[in-house]
Amino acid sequence: MVYTPRSARHGALLAGTVAVLGLLTACGNGKDVHSNPPITASGTAAPATGTTKTPGSSGSATSAASAAPSGAVSPSAPKGTTPSASGGGTTAAATSARCHTSELRASVGRNDPGAGQENFPVVLTNRSGRTCTVRGFPGAAFVSASGTQLGADPKRESGSPTTITLRPGQSAWAGLTFSNPGVSGARTATPAALLVTPPDERDSLKVAWTGGAVPVSGNSSSVFLSVFSPGTAP
């Protein structure tokens, strides 16, 4: 065993004590730093900017409205309209170009008899300020002064309806024909007026009848109407 002087042992013990104290101090400081919890400030959050950037985007913002389902109708869109295909506006419902009874004037042209037939042009004239159309057959009925219908409703002749465009002041005509009662032997009556109903309308126009007696029953008493053609007469 090697002999160590007492002074040397005392120095070594002192140095060891200092080292241990230094180590304890260092460990205590580290514990104090890491054990402190993060400070949370009470109060309200910062106001939102109204947009949220999408991760991975190039700075573009996505608003909350973009979360609405595709195809949803905007609540600000007026009723009765349909969004256009381009998404930039609305399309209004199409209006009819048909001439209405209130826009027309009716008249009966001069008789053009031939081969035992009486032939009258029934004329409709556009008296409105817009362009409109007529297509097909008119409705017609002979009536007495009291408004009673005389005879059956006229029948329709064969023919291909065409659309007639009437600018303001223009006319279209349809033929009204029947066999001469003196030749056919049909029972007759003399109407006070002819009621004319434009195609696809419900209201009629009343025209004074000056064409004499018309067949109302019996043999060959049928009255016929043709489709409308442009103009006022054949």
Protein backbone atom coordinates (compact mmCIF):
# COMPACT_ATOMS: atom_id res chain seq x y z
CA MET A 1 0.00 0.00 0.00
CA VAL A 2 1.30 3.43 -1.05
CA TYR A 3 1.35 6.04 1.66
CA THR A 4 -0.39 9.31 0.82
CA PRO A 5 0.33 12.34 2.92
CA ARG A 6 -2.62 13.80 4.84
CA SER A 7 -2.35 17.17 3.11
CA ALA A 8 -2.74 15.54 -0.33
CA ARG A 9 -5.80 13.57 0.79
CA HIS A 10 -7.39 16.75 2.12
CA GLY A 11 -6.79 18.58 -1.21
CA ALA A 12 -8.34 15.76 -3.22
CA LEU A 13 -11.39 15.66 -0.97
CA LEU A 14 -11.87 19.42 -1.35
CA ALA A 15 -11.61 19.23 -5.14
CA GLY A 16 -14.14 16.42 -5.29
CA THR A 17 -16.60 18.37 -3.16
CA VAL A 18 -16.34 21.41 -5.42
CA ALA A 19 -16.97 19.24 -8.52
CA VAL A 20 -20.05 17.65 -7.01
CA LEU A 21 -21.48 21.03 -6.03
CA GLY A 22 -20.89 22.36 -9.56
CA LEU A 23 -22.66 19.37 -11.09
CA LEU A 24 -25.68 19.77 -8.79
CA THR A 25 -25.92 23.47 -9.62
CA ALA A 26 -25.87 22.78 -13.39
CA CYS A 27 -28.54 20.08 -13.09
CA GLY A 28 -30.76 22.35 -11.02
CA ASN A 29 -30.60 25.13 -13.65
CA GLY A 30 -31.55 22.79 -16.47
CA LYS A 31 -34.55 21.50 -14.55
CA ASP A 32 -35.85 25.03 -13.95
CA VAL A 33 -35.65 25.94 -17.73
CA HIS A 34 -37.54 22.93 -19.12
CA SER A 35 -40.18 22.54 -16.42
CA ASN A 36 -41.82 25.97 -16.98
CA PRO A 37 -45.09 25.57 -18.96
CA PRO A 38 -45.85 27.87 -22.02
CA ILE A 39 -47.70 31.06 -21.10
CA THR A 40 -51.24 31.36 -22.43
CA ALA A 41 -52.75 34.88 -22.59
CA SER A 42 -56.41 35.20 -21.75
CA GLY A 43 -58.80 37.18 -24.05
CA THR A 44 -60.28 36.94 -27.59
CA ALA A 45 -58.60 35.67 -30.69
CA ALA A 46 -57.43 38.04 -33.41
CA PRO A 47 -60.18 38.97 -35.92
CA ALA A 48 -60.40 36.72 -38.98
CA THR A 49 -59.47 38.16 -42.37
CA GLY A 50 -62.44 36.47 -44.12
CA THR A 51 -60.28 34.22 -46.26
CA THR A 52 -58.22 31.12 -45.61
CA LYS A 53 -55.24 30.23 -47.68
CA THR A 54 -55.31 26.75 -49.05
CA PRO A 55 -52.19 24.73 -48.24
CA GLY A 56 -50.07 24.23 -51.28
CA SER A 57 -51.68 27.06 -53.21
CA SER A 58 -49.70 29.91 -54.66
CA GLY A 59 -51.00 32.51 -52.26
CA SER A 60 -54.58 32.30 -53.52
CA ALA A 61 -57.36 32.60 -50.93
CA THR A 62 -60.43 30.39 -50.67
CA SER A 63 -63.51 32.13 -49.29
CA ALA A 64 -66.13 30.43 -47.14
CA ALA A 65 -68.64 30.70 -50.02
CA SER A 66 -66.62 28.22 -52.03
CA ALA A 67 -67.75 25.51 -49.64
CA ALA A 68 -71.35 25.80 -50.99
CA PRO A 69 -72.45 22.74 -53.03
CA SER A 70 -72.06 23.11 -56.75
CA GLY A 71 -75.33 23.72 -58.58
CA ALA A 72 -76.94 25.54 -55.65
CA VAL A 73 -79.16 28.42 -56.70
CA SER A 74 -78.10 31.83 -55.49
CA PRO A 75 -80.70 33.27 -53.09
CA SER A 76 -80.29 36.62 -54.82
CA ALA A 77 -81.44 35.27 -58.19
CA PRO A 78 -84.92 36.60 -59.12
CA LYS A 79 -87.74 34.13 -59.27
CA GLY A 80 -88.86 32.94 -62.67
CA THR A 81 -85.40 33.18 -64.20
CA THR A 82 -82.91 30.53 -65.18
CA PRO A 83 -79.15 30.92 -64.85
CA SER A 84 -77.47 31.16 -68.24
CA ALA A 85 -75.12 28.43 -69.40
CA SER A 86 -72.14 30.78 -69.08
CA GLY A 87 -73.04 31.53 -65.48
CA GLY A 88 -73.11 35.25 -66.18
CA GLY A 89 -76.73 36.32 -66.01
CA THR A 90 -80.25 35.06 -66.39
CA THR A 91 -82.46 34.12 -69.28
CA ALA A 92 -86.03 35.42 -69.32
CA ALA A 93 -88.92 33.22 -70.45
CA ALA A 94 -89.71 33.58 -74.14
CA THR A 95 -92.84 35.54 -75.03
CA SER A 96 -95.35 34.33 -77.61
CA ALA A 97 -95.37 35.96 -81.05
CA ARG A 98 -98.97 34.88 -81.70
CA CYS A 99 -101.48 37.58 -82.55
CA HIS A 100 -104.11 37.96 -79.84
CA THR A 101 -107.74 38.86 -80.45
CA SER A 102 -107.29 42.31 -78.93
CA GLU A 103 -104.54 43.06 -81.46
CA LEU A 104 -106.62 42.21 -84.54
CA ARG A 105 -109.46 43.64 -86.58
CA ALA A 106 -111.79 41.33 -88.53
CA SER A 107 -113.62 42.01 -91.77
CA VAL A 108 -115.37 40.06 -94.52
CA GLY A 109 -114.37 40.77 -98.09
CA ARG A 110 -116.46 40.78 -101.24
CA ASN A 111 -118.09 37.55 -102.41
CA ASP A 112 -116.37 35.85 -105.35
CA PRO A 113 -118.96 33.29 -106.51
CA GLY A 114 -118.22 30.48 -108.91
CA ALA A 115 -119.63 27.10 -109.98
CA GLY A 116 -122.53 27.26 -107.53
CA GLN A 117 -120.24 28.23 -104.66
CA GLU A 118 -120.19 31.40 -102.54
CA ASN A 119 -116.68 32.43 -101.53
CA PHE A 120 -115.97 35.11 -98.94
CA PRO A 121 -112.51 36.06 -97.62
CA VAL A 122 -112.45 36.43 -93.85
CA VAL A 123 -109.67 38.93 -93.11
CA LEU A 124 -107.69 39.57 -89.94
CA THR A 125 -105.58 42.73 -89.82
CA ASN A 126 -102.89 43.49 -87.27
CA ARG A 127 -103.92 46.75 -85.62
CA SER A 128 -101.31 46.59 -82.85
CA GLY A 129 -97.93 48.23 -82.74
CA ARG A 130 -95.97 44.97 -82.77
CA THR A 131 -95.31 42.21 -85.26
CA CYS A 132 -97.23 39.00 -84.54
CA THR A 133 -98.26 35.78 -86.29
CA VAL A 134 -101.31 33.75 -87.23
CA ARG A 135 -101.28 30.09 -88.19
CA GLY A 136 -103.96 27.64 -89.21
CA PHE A 137 -107.72 28.06 -89.30
CA PRO A 138 -110.00 30.70 -87.81
CA GLY A 139 -113.12 29.84 -85.87
CA ALA A 140 -116.42 31.19 -87.23
CA ALA A 141 -120.12 31.17 -86.49
CA PHE A 142 -123.15 32.92 -88.01
CA VAL A 143 -125.38 34.55 -85.38
CA SER A 144 -128.75 36.29 -85.32
CA ALA A 145 -129.35 39.78 -83.96
CA SER A 146 -130.02 38.24 -80.56
CA GLY A 147 -126.72 36.36 -80.65
CA THR A 148 -128.15 32.90 -81.34
CA GLN A 149 -125.94 30.74 -83.55
CA LEU A 150 -127.39 29.87 -86.92
CA GLY A 151 -126.39 26.51 -88.36
CA ALA A 152 -123.54 24.23 -87.41
CA ASP A 153 -119.93 25.23 -86.92
CA PRO A 154 -118.04 25.51 -90.22
CA LYS A 155 -115.86 22.56 -91.23
CA ARG A 156 -112.21 22.76 -92.15
CA GLU A 157 -111.00 22.23 -95.68
CA SER A 158 -107.86 20.22 -96.28
CA GLY A 159 -104.70 22.29 -96.35
CA SER A 160 -101.27 22.72 -94.78
CA PRO A 161 -101.14 25.50 -92.19
CA THR A 162 -98.27 27.96 -92.48
CA THR A 163 -97.18 30.69 -90.12
CA ILE A 164 -98.13 34.13 -91.42
CA THR A 165 -96.14 37.03 -90.03
CA LEU A 166 -98.11 40.24 -89.74
CA ARG A 167 -96.36 43.55 -89.23
CA PRO A 168 -98.54 46.39 -87.99
CA GLY A 169 -101.23 47.06 -90.61
CA GLN A 170 -100.71 43.79 -92.51
CA SER A 171 -103.46 41.19 -93.07
CA ALA A 172 -104.12 37.51 -93.58
CA TRP A 173 -107.24 35.91 -95.03
CA ALA A 174 -109.05 32.57 -94.84
CA GLY A 175 -111.72 31.46 -97.28
CA LEU A 176 -115.33 30.92 -96.10
CA THR A 177 -117.32 28.96 -98.68
CA PHE A 178 -120.71 27.26 -98.98
CA SER A 179 -122.98 26.01 -101.72
CA ASN A 180 -125.49 28.48 -103.10
CA PRO A 181 -128.77 27.64 -101.30
CA GLY A 182 -130.72 28.26 -104.50
CA VAL A 183 -128.78 25.41 -106.11
CA SER A 184 -128.43 23.05 -103.12
CA GLY A 185 -131.98 23.43 -101.79
CA ALA A 186 -130.74 23.87 -98.19
CA ARG A 187 -132.86 25.70 -95.64
CA THR A 188 -131.48 29.19 -95.10
CA ALA A 189 -131.34 32.03 -92.62
CA THR A 190 -129.95 35.54 -92.85
CA PRO A 191 -127.36 36.21 -90.15
CA ALA A 192 -126.87 39.58 -88.50
CA ALA A 193 -123.18 38.97 -87.89
CA LEU A 194 -120.28 36.59 -88.25
CA LEU A 195 -118.20 35.80 -85.18
CA VAL A 196 -114.51 35.27 -86.04
CA THR A 197 -112.08 33.71 -83.58
CA PRO A 198 -108.33 34.00 -84.37
CA PRO A 199 -106.27 30.79 -84.23
CA ASP A 200 -105.50 29.57 -80.68
CA GLU A 201 -107.61 32.35 -79.12
CA ARG A 202 -110.84 32.18 -77.11
CA ASP A 203 -112.26 35.65 -77.67
CA SER A 204 -114.10 36.43 -80.90
CA LEU A 205 -114.43 39.47 -83.16
CA LYS A 206 -117.91 40.41 -84.38
CA VAL A 207 -118.36 41.44 -88.01
CA ALA A 208 -121.65 42.64 -89.50
CA TRP A 209 -122.83 40.16 -92.16
CA THR A 210 -123.99 41.65 -95.47
CA GLY A 211 -123.63 38.54 -97.62
CA GLY A 212 -127.30 37.56 -97.61
CA ALA A 213 -128.84 34.18 -96.79
CA VAL A 214 -126.67 31.27 -95.74
CA PRO A 215 -127.47 27.54 -95.51
CA VAL A 216 -128.26 26.38 -91.96
CA SER A 217 -129.67 22.87 -92.45
CA GLY A 218 -130.64 20.30 -95.05
CA ASN A 219 -128.74 19.10 -98.07
CA SER A 220 -125.34 20.68 -98.76
CA SER A 221 -125.71 23.04 -95.85
CA SER A 222 -122.09 22.74 -94.70
CA VAL A 223 -119.91 25.83 -94.53
CA PHE A 224 -116.14 25.44 -94.96
CA LEU A 225 -113.07 27.39 -93.85
CA SER A 226 -109.58 27.29 -95.34
CA VAL A 227 -106.19 27.98 -93.70
CA PHE A 228 -104.88 31.53 -93.50
CA SER A 229 -102.86 33.00 -96.38
CA PRO A 230 -101.08 36.37 -96.59
CA GLY A 231 -103.04 39.37 -97.89
CA THR A 232 -106.71 40.31 -98.01
CA ALA A 233 -108.04 38.18 -100.89
CA PRO A 234 -107.08 35.36 -103.29
